[in-house]
Amino acid sequence: MTALQKDKQVNFKTNGAVWLEAQKVFAEKEMDGTSALNYFLQFVATNKKLPFLTDEEQEREILVAKLQERVKKNMESETISFEELEKRLG
Protein backbone atom coordinates (compact mmCIF):
# COMPACT_ATOMS: atom_id res chain seq x y z
CA MET A 1 0.00 0.00 0.00
CA THR A 2 1.33 3.42 -0.94
CA ALA A 3 2.23 5.64 2.01
CA LEU A 4 0.04 8.71 2.10
CA GLN A 5 0.82 12.01 3.75
CA LYS A 6 -0.59 12.06 7.29
CA ASP A 7 -2.03 15.58 7.56
CA LYS A 8 -5.08 15.08 9.77
CA GLN A 9 -5.14 14.26 13.50
CA VAL A 10 -8.20 12.22 14.52
CA ASN A 11 -9.25 11.39 18.08
CA PHE A 12 -12.04 9.01 19.04
CA LYS A 13 -13.32 7.06 22.01
CA THR A 14 -13.56 3.30 22.10
CA ASN A 15 -13.91 0.50 24.61
CA GLY A 16 -10.62 -0.10 26.42
CA ALA A 17 -10.90 -3.89 26.47
CA VAL A 18 -11.69 -3.97 22.74
CA TRP A 19 -8.72 -1.71 22.03
CA LEU A 20 -6.36 -3.98 24.00
CA GLU A 21 -7.56 -7.06 22.11
CA ALA A 22 -7.23 -5.23 18.79
CA GLN A 23 -3.68 -4.17 19.69
CA LYS A 24 -2.77 -7.84 20.15
CA VAL A 25 -3.99 -8.57 16.62
CA PHE A 26 -2.12 -5.55 15.25
CA ALA A 27 1.07 -6.75 16.98
CA GLU A 28 0.69 -10.20 15.40
CA LYS A 29 0.56 -8.43 12.03
CA GLU A 30 3.55 -6.27 13.03
CA MET A 31 1.46 -3.10 12.99
CA ASP A 32 0.63 -0.47 15.55
CA GLY A 33 -2.84 0.95 16.08
CA THR A 34 -2.20 4.04 13.98
CA SER A 35 -0.98 1.99 11.02
CA ALA A 36 -3.91 -0.40 11.30
CA LEU A 37 -6.46 2.40 11.41
CA ASN A 38 -4.80 4.18 8.48
CA TYR A 39 -4.88 0.91 6.52
CA PHE A 40 -8.59 0.54 7.33
CA LEU A 41 -9.35 4.12 6.25
CA GLN A 42 -7.38 3.77 3.02
CA PHE A 43 -9.21 0.51 2.23
CA VAL A 44 -12.62 2.14 2.78
CA ALA A 45 -11.72 5.24 0.76
CA THR A 46 -10.26 3.20 -2.12
CA ASN A 47 -12.92 0.47 -2.30
CA LYS A 48 -15.93 2.57 -1.26
CA LYS A 49 -17.02 -0.20 1.11
CA LEU A 50 -16.27 -1.66 4.49
CA PRO A 51 -14.07 -4.77 4.71
CA PHE A 52 -16.83 -6.52 6.67
CA LEU A 53 -20.62 -6.74 6.79
CA THR A 54 -22.57 -4.45 9.08
CA ASP A 55 -25.00 -6.02 11.57
CA GLU A 56 -27.88 -5.17 9.22
CA GLU A 57 -26.09 -6.74 6.24
CA GLN A 58 -25.29 -9.89 8.24
CA GLU A 59 -28.93 -10.18 9.27
CA ARG A 60 -30.02 -9.75 5.64
CA GLU A 61 -27.54 -12.45 4.53
CA ILE A 62 -28.98 -14.87 7.11
CA LEU A 63 -32.55 -14.12 6.02
CA VAL A 64 -31.69 -14.58 2.35
CA ALA A 65 -29.97 -17.91 3.10
CA LYS A 66 -33.01 -19.10 5.06
CA LEU A 67 -35.34 -18.02 2.26
CA GLN A 68 -33.20 -19.79 -0.33
CA GLU A 69 -33.29 -22.97 1.77
CA ARG A 70 -37.08 -22.79 2.06
CA VAL A 71 -37.45 -22.25 -1.68
CA LYS A 72 -35.13 -25.20 -2.34
CA LYS A 73 -37.18 -27.44 0.00
CA ASN A 74 -40.42 -26.31 -1.61
CA MET A 75 -39.04 -26.96 -5.09
CA GLU A 76 -38.14 -30.50 -4.03
CA SER A 77 -41.53 -31.19 -2.46
CA GLU A 78 -44.82 -32.18 -4.08
CA THR A 79 -46.32 -29.58 -6.36
CA ILE A 80 -50.05 -29.02 -6.73
CA SER A 81 -52.17 -27.10 -9.18
CA PHE A 82 -53.78 -23.77 -8.37
CA GLU A 83 -57.19 -25.45 -8.40
CA GLU A 84 -56.01 -28.06 -5.86
CA LEU A 85 -54.62 -25.31 -3.67
CA GLU A 86 -57.97 -23.48 -3.75
CA LYS A 87 -59.74 -26.70 -2.73
CA ARG A 88 -57.34 -27.28 0.17
CA LEU A 89 -57.55 -23.72 1.45
CA GLY A 90 -61.32 -23.47 1.04
PDB file of N, CA and C in Angstrom:
ATOM      1  N   MET A   1       0.841  -1.172   0.000  1.00  0.00           N
ATOM      2  CA  MET A   1       0.000   0.000   0.000  1.00  0.00           C
ATOM      3  C   MET A   1       0.890   1.239   0.000  1.00  0.00           C
ATOM      4  N   THR A   2       0.559   2.196  -0.824  1.00  0.00           N
ATOM      5  CA  THR A   2       1.330   3.416  -0.939  1.00  0.00           C
ATOM      6  C   THR A   2       1.174   4.255   0.323  1.00  0.00           C
ATOM      7  N   ALA A   3       2.280   4.781   0.819  1.00  0.00           N
ATOM      8  CA  ALA A   3       2.234   5.636   2.005  1.00  0.00           C
ATOM      9  C   ALA A   3       1.660   6.995   1.621  1.00  0.00           C
ATOM     10  N   LEU A   4       0.660   7.410   2.340  1.00  0.00           N
ATOM     11  CA  LEU A   4       0.044   8.710   2.100  1.00  0.00           C
ATOM     12  C   LEU A   4       0.513   9.703   3.152  1.00  0.00           C
ATOM     13  N   GLN A   5       0.464  10.978   2.799  1.00  0.00           N
ATOM     14  CA  GLN A   5       0.816  12.012   3.750  1.00  0.00           C
ATOM     15  C   GLN A   5      -0.196  12.010   4.883  1.00  0.00           C
ATOM     16  N   LYS A   6       0.285  12.034   6.112  1.00  0.00           N
ATOM     17  CA  LYS A   6      -0.589  12.064   7.290  1.00  0.00           C
ATOM     18  C   LYS A   6      -0.741  13.531   7.710  1.00  0.00           C
ATOM     19  N   ASP A   7      -1.849  14.147   7.308  1.00  0.00           N
ATOM     20  CA  ASP A   7      -2.026  15.578   7.560  1.00  0.00           C
ATOM     21  C   ASP A   7      -3.271  15.894   8.381  1.00  0.00           C
ATOM     22  N   LYS A   8      -3.865  14.869   8.984  1.00  0.00           N
ATOM     23  CA  LYS A   8      -5.083  15.079   9.773  1.00  0.00           C
ATOM     24  C   LYS A   8      -4.992  14.272  11.058  1.00  0.00           C
ATOM     25  N   GLN A   9      -5.122  14.927  12.191  1.00  0.00           N
ATOM     26  CA  GLN A   9      -5.144  14.261  13.498  1.00  0.00           C
ATOM     27  C   GLN A   9      -6.596  13.915  13.826  1.00  0.00           C
ATOM     28  N   VAL A  10      -6.851  12.667  14.194  1.00  0.00           N
ATOM     29  CA  VAL A  10      -8.201  12.219  14.518  1.00  0.00           C
ATOM     30  C   VAL A  10      -8.179  11.580  15.907  1.00  0.00           C
ATOM     31  N   ASN A  11      -9.106  11.979  16.745  1.00  0.00           N
ATOM     32  CA  ASN A  11      -9.247  11.392  18.075  1.00  0.00           C
ATOM     33  C   ASN A  11     -10.630  10.784  18.192  1.00  0.00           C
ATOM     34  N   PHE A  12     -10.739   9.629  18.843  1.00  0.00           N
ATOM     35  CA  PHE A  12     -12.043   9.006  19.038  1.00  0.00           C
ATOM     36  C   PHE A  12     -12.016   8.169  20.308  1.00  0.00           C
ATOM     37  N   LYS A  13     -13.192   7.905  20.827  1.00  0.00           N
ATOM     38  CA  LYS A  13     -13.315   7.064  22.015  1.00  0.00           C
ATOM     39  C   LYS A  13     -13.708   5.659  21.593  1.00  0.00           C
ATOM     40  N   THR A  14     -13.206   4.686  22.341  1.00  0.00           N
ATOM     41  CA  THR A  14     -13.563   3.300  22.104  1.00  0.00           C
ATOM     42  C   THR A  14     -13.505   2.554  23.424  1.00  0.00           C
ATOM     43  N   ASN A  15     -13.947   1.334  23.416  1.00  0.00           N
ATOM     44  CA  ASN A  15     -13.911   0.495  24.607  1.00  0.00           C
ATOM     45  C   ASN A  15     -12.473   0.048  24.855  1.00  0.00           C
ATOM     46  N   GLY A  16     -11.998   0.223  26.083  1.00  0.00           N
ATOM     47  CA  GLY A  16     -10.615  -0.099  26.421  1.00  0.00           C
ATOM     48  C   GLY A  16     -10.272  -1.563  26.216  1.00  0.00           C
ATOM     49  N   ALA A  17     -11.167  -2.458  26.617  1.00  0.00           N
ATOM     50  CA  ALA A  17     -10.904  -3.892  26.466  1.00  0.00           C
ATOM     51  C   ALA A  17     -10.834  -4.271  24.988  1.00  0.00           C
ATOM     52  N   VAL A  18     -11.711  -3.699  24.187  1.00  0.00           N
ATOM     53  CA  VAL A  18     -11.692  -3.972  22.741  1.00  0.00           C
ATOM     54  C   VAL A  18     -10.386  -3.470  22.141  1.00  0.00           C
ATOM     55  N   TRP A  19      -9.961  -2.277  22.554  1.00  0.00           N
ATOM     56  CA  TRP A  19      -8.715  -1.710  22.027  1.00  0.00           C
ATOM     57  C   TRP A  19      -7.523  -2.602  22.367  1.00  0.00           C
ATOM     58  N   LEU A  20      -7.463  -3.105  23.607  1.00  0.00           N
ATOM     59  CA  LEU A  20      -6.357  -3.978  24.004  1.00  0.00           C
ATOM     60  C   LEU A  20      -6.327  -5.263  23.179  1.00  0.00           C
ATOM     61  N   GLU A  21      -7.492  -5.855  22.936  1.00  0.00           N
ATOM     62  CA  GLU A  21      -7.556  -7.064  22.114  1.00  0.00           C
ATOM     63  C   GLU A  21      -7.152  -6.765  20.672  1.00  0.00           C
ATOM     64  N   ALA A  22      -7.594  -5.623  20.159  1.00  0.00           N
ATOM     65  CA  ALA A  22      -7.234  -5.229  18.789  1.00  0.00           C
ATOM     66  C   ALA A  22      -5.728  -5.004  18.684  1.00  0.00           C
ATOM     67  N   GLN A  23      -5.117  -4.402  19.708  1.00  0.00           N
ATOM     68  CA  GLN A  23      -3.677  -4.165  19.686  1.00  0.00           C
ATOM     69  C   GLN A  23      -2.898  -5.478  19.603  1.00  0.00           C
ATOM     70  N   LYS A  24      -3.417  -6.529  20.233  1.00  0.00           N
ATOM     71  CA  LYS A  24      -2.769  -7.841  20.148  1.00  0.00           C
ATOM     72  C   LYS A  24      -2.769  -8.340  18.705  1.00  0.00           C
ATOM     73  N   VAL A  25      -3.891  -8.155  18.030  1.00  0.00           N
ATOM     74  CA  VAL A  25      -3.991  -8.571  16.624  1.00  0.00           C
ATOM     75  C   VAL A  25      -3.042  -7.727  15.777  1.00  0.00           C
ATOM     76  N   PHE A  26      -3.031  -6.420  16.008  1.00  0.00           N
ATOM     77  CA  PHE A  26      -2.122  -5.545  15.251  1.00  0.00           C
ATOM     78  C   PHE A  26      -0.677  -5.996  15.444  1.00  0.00           C
ATOM     79  N   ALA A  27      -0.305  -6.320  16.679  1.00  0.00           N
ATOM     80  CA  ALA A  27       1.069  -6.750  16.976  1.00  0.00           C
ATOM     81  C   ALA A  27       1.408  -8.033  16.222  1.00  0.00           C
ATOM     82  N   GLU A  28       0.458  -8.957  16.148  1.00  0.00           N
ATOM     83  CA  GLU A  28       0.687 -10.200  15.402  1.00  0.00           C
ATOM     84  C   GLU A  28       0.965  -9.906  13.924  1.00  0.00           C
ATOM     85  N   LYS A  29       0.373  -8.834  13.432  1.00  0.00           N
ATOM     86  CA  LYS A  29       0.563  -8.427  12.030  1.00  0.00           C
ATOM     87  C   LYS A  29       1.703  -7.425  11.889  1.00  0.00           C
ATOM     88  N   GLU A  30       2.438  -7.217  12.990  1.00  0.00           N
ATOM     89  CA  GLU A  30       3.550  -6.274  13.027  1.00  0.00           C
ATOM     90  C   GLU A  30       3.118  -4.863  12.639  1.00  0.00           C
ATOM     91  N   MET A  31       1.994  -4.447  13.220  1.00  0.00           N
ATOM     92  CA  MET A  31       1.461  -3.099  12.992  1.00  0.00           C
ATOM     93  C   MET A  31       1.172  -2.460  14.341  1.00  0.00           C
ATOM     94  N   ASP A  32       1.136  -1.147  14.364  1.00  0.00           N
ATOM     95  CA  ASP A  32       0.632  -0.468  15.555  1.00  0.00           C
ATOM     96  C   ASP A  32      -0.794  -0.002  15.252  1.00  0.00           C
ATOM     97  N   GLY A  33      -1.458   0.533  16.253  1.00  0.00           N
ATOM     98  CA  GLY A  33      -2.845   0.955  16.081  1.00  0.00           C
ATOM     99  C   GLY A  33      -3.020   2.019  15.012  1.00  0.00           C
ATOM    100  N   THR A  34      -2.109   2.965  14.974  1.00  0.00           N
ATOM    101  CA  THR A  34      -2.197   4.039  13.976  1.00  0.00           C
ATOM    102  C   THR A  34      -2.094   3.473  12.563  1.00  0.00           C
ATOM    103  N   SER A  35      -1.140   2.589  12.349  1.00  0.00           N
ATOM    104  CA  SER A  35      -0.976   1.990  11.016  1.00  0.00           C
ATOM    105  C   SER A  35      -2.207   1.183  10.630  1.00  0.00           C
ATOM    106  N   ALA A  36      -2.733   0.412  11.587  1.00  0.00           N
ATOM    107  CA  ALA A  36      -3.908  -0.404  11.300  1.00  0.00           C
ATOM    108  C   ALA A  36      -5.108   0.464  10.942  1.00  0.00           C
ATOM    109  N   LEU A  37      -5.331   1.521  11.696  1.00  0.00           N
ATOM    110  CA  LEU A  37      -6.462   2.401  11.411  1.00  0.00           C
ATOM    111  C   LEU A  37      -6.273   3.140  10.092  1.00  0.00           C
ATOM    112  N   ASN A  38      -5.056   3.540   9.780  1.00  0.00           N
ATOM    113  CA  ASN A  38      -4.796   4.175   8.484  1.00  0.00           C
ATOM    114  C   ASN A  38      -5.041   3.191   7.346  1.00  0.00           C
ATOM    115  N   TYR A  39      -4.639   1.932   7.535  1.00  0.00           N
ATOM    116  CA  TYR A  39      -4.876   0.909   6.524  1.00  0.00           C
ATOM    117  C   TYR A  39      -6.377   0.740   6.303  1.00  0.00           C
ATOM    118  N   PHE A  40      -7.128   0.661   7.412  1.00  0.00           N
ATOM    119  CA  PHE A  40      -8.586   0.540   7.330  1.00  0.00           C
ATOM    120  C   PHE A  40      -9.180   1.724   6.558  1.00  0.00           C
ATOM    121  N   LEU A  41      -8.804   2.933   6.919  1.00  0.00           N
ATOM    122  CA  LEU A  41      -9.349   4.123   6.253  1.00  0.00           C
ATOM    123  C   LEU A  41      -9.002   4.152   4.772  1.00  0.00           C
ATOM    124  N   GLN A  42      -7.767   3.768   4.437  1.00  0.00           N
ATOM    125  CA  GLN A  42      -7.379   3.766   3.022  1.00  0.00           C
ATOM    126  C   GLN A  42      -8.181   2.713   2.258  1.00  0.00           C
ATOM    127  N   PHE A  43      -8.408   1.547   2.869  1.00  0.00           N
ATOM    128  CA  PHE A  43      -9.213   0.506   2.228  1.00  0.00           C
ATOM    129  C   PHE A  43     -10.621   1.028   1.941  1.00  0.00           C
ATOM    130  N   VAL A  44     -11.252   1.637   2.941  1.00  0.00           N
ATOM    131  CA  VAL A  44     -12.619   2.143   2.778  1.00  0.00           C
ATOM    132  C   VAL A  44     -12.668   3.224   1.703  1.00  0.00           C
ATOM    133  N   ALA A  45     -11.734   4.151   1.745  1.00  0.00           N
ATOM    134  CA  ALA A  45     -11.720   5.241   0.762  1.00  0.00           C
ATOM    135  C   ALA A  45     -11.479   4.714  -0.652  1.00  0.00           C
ATOM    136  N   THR A  46     -10.599   3.744  -0.798  1.00  0.00           N
ATOM    137  CA  THR A  46     -10.261   3.204  -2.117  1.00  0.00           C
ATOM    138  C   THR A  46     -11.372   2.329  -2.684  1.00  0.00           C
ATOM    139  N   ASN A  47     -11.937   1.465  -1.838  1.00  0.00           N
ATOM    140  CA  ASN A  47     -12.915   0.474  -2.297  1.00  0.00           C
ATOM    141  C   ASN A  47     -14.368   0.912  -2.146  1.00  0.00           C
ATOM    142  N   LYS A  48     -14.579   2.029  -1.473  1.00  0.00           N
ATOM    143  CA  LYS A  48     -15.931   2.567  -1.258  1.00  0.00           C
ATOM    144  C   LYS A  48     -16.849   1.557  -0.555  1.00  0.00           C
ATOM    145  N   LYS A  49     -16.243   0.756   0.321  1.00  0.00           N
ATOM    146  CA  LYS A  49     -17.022  -0.198   1.110  1.00  0.00           C
ATOM    147  C   LYS A  49     -16.218  -0.592   2.335  1.00  0.00           C
ATOM    148  N   LEU A  50     -16.920  -1.163   3.292  1.00  0.00           N
ATOM    149  CA  LEU A  50     -16.266  -1.658   4.494  1.00  0.00           C
ATOM    150  C   LEU A  50     -15.702  -3.055   4.230  1.00  0.00           C
ATOM    151  N   PRO A  51     -14.639  -3.435   4.920  1.00  0.00           N
ATOM    152  CA  PRO A  51     -14.067  -4.768   4.708  1.00  0.00           C
ATOM    153  C   PRO A  51     -14.787  -5.850   5.512  1.00  0.00           C
ATOM    154  N   PHE A  52     -16.006  -5.578   5.911  1.00  0.00           N
ATOM    155  CA  PHE A  52     -16.828  -6.516   6.674  1.00  0.00           C
ATOM    156  C   PHE A  52     -18.285  -6.129   6.488  1.00  0.00           C
ATOM    157  N   LEU A  53     -19.186  -7.029   6.867  1.00  0.00           N
ATOM    158  CA  LEU A  53     -20.616  -6.741   6.786  1.00  0.00           C
ATOM    159  C   LEU A  53     -21.078  -6.047   8.058  1.00  0.00           C
ATOM    160  N   THR A  54     -21.969  -5.076   7.914  1.00  0.00           N
ATOM    161  CA  THR A  54     -22.574  -4.448   9.080  1.00  0.00           C
ATOM    162  C   THR A  54     -23.554  -5.441   9.711  1.00  0.00           C
ATOM    163  N   ASP A  55     -24.017  -5.144  10.917  1.00  0.00           N
ATOM    164  CA  ASP A  55     -25.002  -6.020  11.572  1.00  0.00           C
ATOM    165  C   ASP A  55     -26.228  -6.201  10.686  1.00  0.00           C
ATOM    166  N   GLU A  56     -26.702  -5.113  10.095  1.00  0.00           N
ATOM    167  CA  GLU A  56     -27.879  -5.167   9.217  1.00  0.00           C
ATOM    168  C   GLU A  56     -27.617  -6.049   7.994  1.00  0.00           C
ATOM    169  N   GLU A  57     -26.435  -5.926   7.406  1.00  0.00           N
ATOM    170  CA  GLU A  57     -26.091  -6.737   6.241  1.00  0.00           C
ATOM    171  C   GLU A  57     -25.968  -8.215   6.607  1.00  0.00           C
ATOM    172  N   GLN A  58     -25.400  -8.501   7.777  1.00  0.00           N
ATOM    173  CA  GLN A  58     -25.292  -9.887   8.237  1.00  0.00           C
ATOM    174  C   GLN A  58     -26.679 -10.487   8.440  1.00  0.00           C
ATOM    175  N   GLU A  59     -27.557  -9.713   9.048  1.00  0.00           N
ATOM    176  CA  GLU A  59     -28.930 -10.178   9.271  1.00  0.00           C
ATOM    177  C   GLU A  59     -29.618 -10.464   7.935  1.00  0.00           C
ATOM    178  N   ARG A  60     -29.426  -9.578   6.968  1.00  0.00           N
ATOM    179  CA  ARG A  60     -30.022  -9.755   5.640  1.00  0.00           C
ATOM    180  C   ARG A  60     -29.465 -11.017   4.972  1.00  0.00           C
ATOM    181  N   GLU A  61     -28.158 -11.243   5.103  1.00  0.00           N
ATOM    182  CA  GLU A  61     -27.541 -12.449   4.525  1.00  0.00           C
ATOM    183  C   GLU A  61     -28.153 -13.714   5.128  1.00  0.00           C
ATOM    184  N   ILE A  62     -28.375 -13.716   6.429  1.00  0.00           N
ATOM    185  CA  ILE A  62     -28.979 -14.870   7.107  1.00  0.00           C
ATOM    186  C   ILE A  62     -30.400 -15.091   6.607  1.00  0.00           C
ATOM    187  N   LEU A  63     -31.173 -14.008   6.501  1.00  0.00           N
ATOM    188  CA  LEU A  63     -32.553 -14.117   6.023  1.00  0.00           C
ATOM    189  C   LEU A  63     -32.607 -14.628   4.584  1.00  0.00           C
ATOM    190  N   VAL A  64     -31.722 -14.132   3.744  1.00  0.00           N
ATOM    191  CA  VAL A  64     -31.691 -14.583   2.346  1.00  0.00           C
ATOM    192  C   VAL A  64     -31.336 -16.068   2.282  1.00  0.00           C
ATOM    193  N   ALA A  65     -30.364 -16.493   3.081  1.00  0.00           N
ATOM    194  CA  ALA A  65     -29.971 -17.908   3.096  1.00  0.00           C
ATOM    195  C   ALA A  65     -31.129 -18.788   3.552  1.00  0.00           C
ATOM    196  N   LYS A  66     -31.854 -18.337   4.584  1.00  0.00           N
ATOM    197  CA  LYS A  66     -33.014 -19.101   5.065  1.00  0.00           C
ATOM    198  C   LYS A  66     -34.095 -19.164   3.995  1.00  0.00           C
ATOM    199  N   LEU A  67     -34.339 -18.055   3.330  1.00  0.00           N
ATOM    200  CA  LEU A  67     -35.342 -18.018   2.265  1.00  0.00           C
ATOM    201  C   LEU A  67     -34.942 -18.943   1.118  1.00  0.00           C
ATOM    202  N   GLN A  68     -33.676 -18.910   0.745  1.00  0.00           N
ATOM    203  CA  GLN A  68     -33.201 -19.787  -0.333  1.00  0.00           C
ATOM    204  C   GLN A  68     -33.379 -21.255   0.051  1.00  0.00           C
ATOM    205  N   GLU A  69     -33.120 -21.586   1.304  1.00  0.00           N
ATOM    206  CA  GLU A  69     -33.285 -22.965   1.767  1.00  0.00           C
ATOM    207  C   GLU A  69     -34.755 -23.384   1.715  1.00  0.00           C
ATOM    208  N   ARG A  70     -35.645 -22.479   2.117  1.00  0.00           N
ATOM    209  CA  ARG A  70     -37.083 -22.790   2.061  1.00  0.00           C
ATOM    210  C   ARG A  70     -37.546 -22.977   0.624  1.00  0.00           C
ATOM    211  N   VAL A  71     -37.078 -22.129  -0.269  1.00  0.00           N
ATOM    212  CA  VAL A  71     -37.449 -22.254  -1.681  1.00  0.00           C
ATOM    213  C   VAL A  71     -36.947 -23.584  -2.224  1.00  0.00           C
ATOM    214  N   LYS A  72     -35.699 -23.934  -1.876  1.00  0.00           N
ATOM    215  CA  LYS A  72     -35.134 -25.198  -2.336  1.00  0.00           C
ATOM    216  C   LYS A  72     -35.968 -26.374  -1.841  1.00  0.00           C
ATOM    217  N   LYS A  73     -36.357 -26.363  -0.555  1.00  0.00           N
ATOM    218  CA  LYS A  73     -37.179 -27.436  -0.001  1.00  0.00           C
ATOM    219  C   LYS A  73     -38.527 -27.501  -0.705  1.00  0.00           C
ATOM    220  N   ASN A  74     -39.124 -26.339  -0.936  1.00  0.00           N
ATOM    221  CA  ASN A  74     -40.418 -26.305  -1.613  1.00  0.00           C
ATOM    222  C   ASN A  74     -40.318 -26.805  -3.049  1.00  0.00           C
ATOM    223  N   MET A  75     -39.223 -26.507  -3.709  1.00  0.00           N
ATOM    224  CA  MET A  75     -39.041 -26.959  -5.091  1.00  0.00           C
ATOM    225  C   MET A  75     -38.882 -28.484  -5.139  1.00  0.00           C
ATOM    226  N   GLU A  76     -38.354 -29.056  -4.075  1.00  0.00           N
ATOM    227  CA  GLU A  76     -38.138 -30.499  -4.026  1.00  0.00           C
ATOM    228  C   GLU A  76     -39.378 -31.256  -3.554  1.00  0.00           C
ATOM    229  N   SER A  77     -40.333 -30.530  -2.993  1.00  0.00           N
ATOM    230  CA  SER A  77     -41.528 -31.193  -2.463  1.00  0.00           C
ATOM    231  C   SER A  77     -42.604 -31.322  -3.542  1.00  0.00           C
ATOM    232  N   GLU A  78     -43.692 -31.956  -3.162  1.00  0.00           N
ATOM    233  CA  GLU A  78     -44.815 -32.176  -4.076  1.00  0.00           C
ATOM    234  C   GLU A  78     -45.385 -30.845  -4.557  1.00  0.00           C
ATOM    235  N   THR A  79     -45.689 -30.767  -5.827  1.00  0.00           N
ATOM    236  CA  THR A  79     -46.325 -29.577  -6.361  1.00  0.00           C
ATOM    237  C   THR A  79     -47.798 -29.882  -6.632  1.00  0.00           C
ATOM    238  N   ILE A  80     -48.614 -28.859  -6.471  1.00  0.00           N
ATOM    239  CA  ILE A  80     -50.048 -29.019  -6.727  1.00  0.00           C
ATOM    240  C   ILE A  80     -50.519 -27.890  -7.633  1.00  0.00           C
ATOM    241  N   SER A  81     -51.620 -28.115  -8.282  1.00  0.00           N
ATOM    242  CA  SER A  81     -52.170 -27.101  -9.177  1.00  0.00           C
ATOM    243  C   SER A  81     -52.837 -26.003  -8.355  1.00  0.00           C
ATOM    244  N   PHE A  82     -53.096 -24.884  -9.015  1.00  0.00           N
ATOM    245  CA  PHE A  82     -53.777 -23.774  -8.365  1.00  0.00           C
ATOM    246  C   PHE A  82     -55.174 -24.205  -7.916  1.00  0.00           C
ATOM    247  N   GLU A  83     -55.842 -24.974  -8.735  1.00  0.00           N
ATOM    248  CA  GLU A  83     -57.187 -25.452  -8.398  1.00  0.00           C
ATOM    249  C   GLU A  83     -57.152 -26.320  -7.147  1.00  0.00           C
ATOM    250  N   GLU A  84     -56.158 -27.211  -7.044  1.00  0.00           N
ATOM    251  CA  GLU A  84     -56.011 -28.058  -5.859  1.00  0.00           C
ATOM    252  C   GLU A  84     -55.728 -27.212  -4.627  1.00  0.00           C
ATOM    253  N   LEU A  85     -54.910 -26.193  -4.778  1.00  0.00           N
ATOM    254  CA  LEU A  85     -54.618 -25.307  -3.674  1.00  0.00           C
ATOM    255  C   LEU A  85     -55.882 -24.611  -3.188  1.00  0.00           C
ATOM    256  N   GLU A  86     -56.718 -24.122  -4.132  1.00  0.00           N
ATOM    257  CA  GLU A  86     -57.971 -23.481  -3.746  1.00  0.00           C
ATOM    258  C   GLU A  86     -58.867 -24.435  -2.999  1.00  0.00           C
ATOM    259  N   LYS A  87     -58.923 -25.701  -3.421  1.00  0.00           N
ATOM    260  CA  LYS A  87     -59.738 -26.704  -2.734  1.00  0.00           C
ATOM    261  C   LYS A  87     -59.241 -26.933  -1.308  1.00  0.00           C
ATOM    262  N   ARG A  88     -57.916 -27.020  -1.149  1.00  0.00           N
ATOM    263  CA  ARG A  88     -57.341 -27.283   0.169  1.00  0.00           C
ATOM    264  C   ARG A  88     -57.538 -26.104   1.120  1.00  0.00           C
ATOM    265  N   LEU A  89     -57.454 -24.900   0.595  1.00  0.00           N
ATOM    266  CA  LEU A  89     -57.553 -23.716   1.445  1.00  0.00           C
ATOM    267  C   LEU A  89     -59.003 -23.245   1.631  1.00  0.00           C
ATOM    268  N   GLY A  90     -59.908 -23.831   0.864  1.00  0.00           N
ATOM    269  CA  GLY A  90     -61.320 -23.471   1.038  1.00  0.00           C
ATOM    270  C   GLY A  90     -61.691 -22.381   0.141  1.00  0.00           C
TER     271      GLY A  90
END
